[in-house]
Amino acid sequence: METIAFRTQIDPGKRAEYERHHREIWPGLPVMRKWWDDMADIMQTDARNVPLQQPLVQVFHLP
């Protein structure tokens, strides 16, 4: 299985709201598109509400 890591950026002052969204995601496990739309007002996104990502280079892996 491929492991993918990336970093997104939360808007200043929105951390508590971001964490609240994550606490609420698991019971309903919403579709990714809806999640992106819900988070668009607190995260940096493109015009389609896809979160902007900064790919990370894997340096090592511990199994």
C-alpha atoms as a PDB file:
ATOM      1  CA  MET A   1       0.000   0.000   0.000  1.00  0.00           C
ATOM      2  CA  GLU A   2       1.292   3.430  -0.908  1.00  0.00           C
ATOM      3  CA  THR A   3       1.606   5.970   1.892  1.00  0.00           C
ATOM      4  CA  ILE A   4       0.924   9.555   0.924  1.00  0.00           C
ATOM      5  CA  ALA A   5       1.589  12.552   3.123  1.00  0.00           C
ATOM      6  CA  PHE A   6       0.810  16.173   2.501  1.00  0.00           C
ATOM      7  CA  ARG A   7       0.453  19.364   4.415  1.00  0.00           C
ATOM      8  CA  THR A   8      -2.494  21.714   4.230  1.00  0.00           C
ATOM      9  CA  GLN A   9      -2.749  25.146   5.779  1.00  0.00           C
ATOM     10  CA  ILE A  10      -5.521  26.315   8.069  1.00  0.00           C
ATOM     11  CA  ASP A  11      -6.399  29.984   8.028  1.00  0.00           C
ATOM     12  CA  PRO A  12      -5.167  32.007  11.018  1.00  0.00           C
ATOM     13  CA  GLY A  13      -7.497  31.787  14.003  1.00  0.00           C
ATOM     14  CA  LYS A  14      -9.416  28.770  12.631  1.00  0.00           C
ATOM     15  CA  ARG A  15      -7.672  25.908  14.463  1.00  0.00           C
ATOM     16  CA  ALA A  16     -10.469  25.302  16.985  1.00  0.00           C
ATOM     17  CA  GLU A  17     -13.041  25.150  14.201  1.00  0.00           C
ATOM     18  CA  TYR A  18     -10.816  22.785  12.196  1.00  0.00           C
ATOM     19  CA  GLU A  19     -10.513  20.484  15.204  1.00  0.00           C
ATOM     20  CA  ARG A  20     -14.284  20.641  15.778  1.00  0.00           C
ATOM     21  CA  HIS A  21     -14.865  19.529  12.188  1.00  0.00           C
ATOM     22  CA  HIS A  22     -12.529  16.575  12.704  1.00  0.00           C
ATOM     23  CA  ARG A  23     -14.262  15.489  15.899  1.00  0.00           C
ATOM     24  CA  GLU A  24     -17.550  15.379  14.000  1.00  0.00           C
ATOM     25  CA  ILE A  25     -16.387  13.583  10.851  1.00  0.00           C
ATOM     26  CA  TRP A  26     -16.155   9.984  12.053  1.00  0.00           C
ATOM     27  CA  PRO A  27     -19.768   9.177  12.973  1.00  0.00           C
ATOM     28  CA  GLY A  28     -21.049  10.023   9.494  1.00  0.00           C
ATOM     29  CA  LEU A  29     -17.836   9.658   7.480  1.00  0.00           C
ATOM     30  CA  PRO A  30     -19.010  12.190   4.845  1.00  0.00           C
ATOM     31  CA  VAL A  31     -18.054  12.086   1.197  1.00  0.00           C
ATOM     32  CA  MET A  32     -14.782  13.897   0.448  1.00  0.00           C
ATOM     33  CA  ARG A  33     -16.411  16.460  -1.835  1.00  0.00           C
ATOM     34  CA  LYS A  34     -18.809  17.536   0.913  1.00  0.00           C
ATOM     35  CA  TRP A  35     -15.918  17.658   3.372  1.00  0.00           C
ATOM     36  CA  TRP A  36     -13.936  19.959   1.093  1.00  0.00           C
ATOM     37  CA  ASP A  37     -16.948  22.236   0.658  1.00  0.00           C
ATOM     38  CA  ASP A  38     -17.546  22.322   4.418  1.00  0.00           C
ATOM     39  CA  MET A  39     -13.902  23.169   5.147  1.00  0.00           C
ATOM     40  CA  ALA A  40     -13.432  25.714   2.348  1.00  0.00           C
ATOM     41  CA  ASP A  41     -14.174  28.697   4.562  1.00  0.00           C
ATOM     42  CA  ILE A  42     -11.384  27.833   7.003  1.00  0.00           C
ATOM     43  CA  MET A  43      -8.682  26.322   4.763  1.00  0.00           C
ATOM     44  CA  GLN A  44      -6.754  27.441   1.727  1.00  0.00           C
ATOM     45  CA  THR A  45      -8.382  25.873  -1.333  1.00  0.00           C
ATOM     46  CA  ASP A  46      -8.447  26.189  -5.087  1.00  0.00           C
ATOM     47  CA  ALA A  47     -11.490  27.403  -7.028  1.00  0.00           C
ATOM     48  CA  ARG A  48     -13.138  23.960  -6.664  1.00  0.00           C
ATOM     49  CA  ASN A  49     -12.668  23.946  -2.853  1.00  0.00           C
ATOM     50  CA  VAL A  50      -9.934  21.309  -3.097  1.00  0.00           C
ATOM     51  CA  PRO A  51      -7.513  21.966  -0.211  1.00  0.00           C
ATOM     52  CA  LEU A  52      -4.158  23.273  -1.360  1.00  0.00           C
ATOM     53  CA  GLN A  53      -1.496  20.701  -0.606  1.00  0.00           C
ATOM     54  CA  GLN A  54       2.247  20.732  -0.210  1.00  0.00           C
ATOM     55  CA  PRO A  55       3.596  17.260  -1.026  1.00  0.00           C
ATOM     56  CA  LEU A  56       6.118  15.937   1.469  1.00  0.00           C
ATOM     57  CA  VAL A  57       9.182  13.965   0.447  1.00  0.00           C
ATOM     58  CA  GLN A  58       9.547  10.711   2.364  1.00  0.00           C
ATOM     59  CA  VAL A  59      12.871  10.631   4.153  1.00  0.00           C
ATOM     60  CA  PHE A  60      12.468   7.284   5.928  1.00  0.00           C
ATOM     61  CA  HIS A  61       9.828   4.719   6.854  1.00  0.00           C
ATOM     62  CA  LEU A  62       9.555   2.676  10.023  1.00  0.00           C
ATOM     63  CA  PRO A  63       7.408  -0.428   9.513  1.00  0.00           C
END
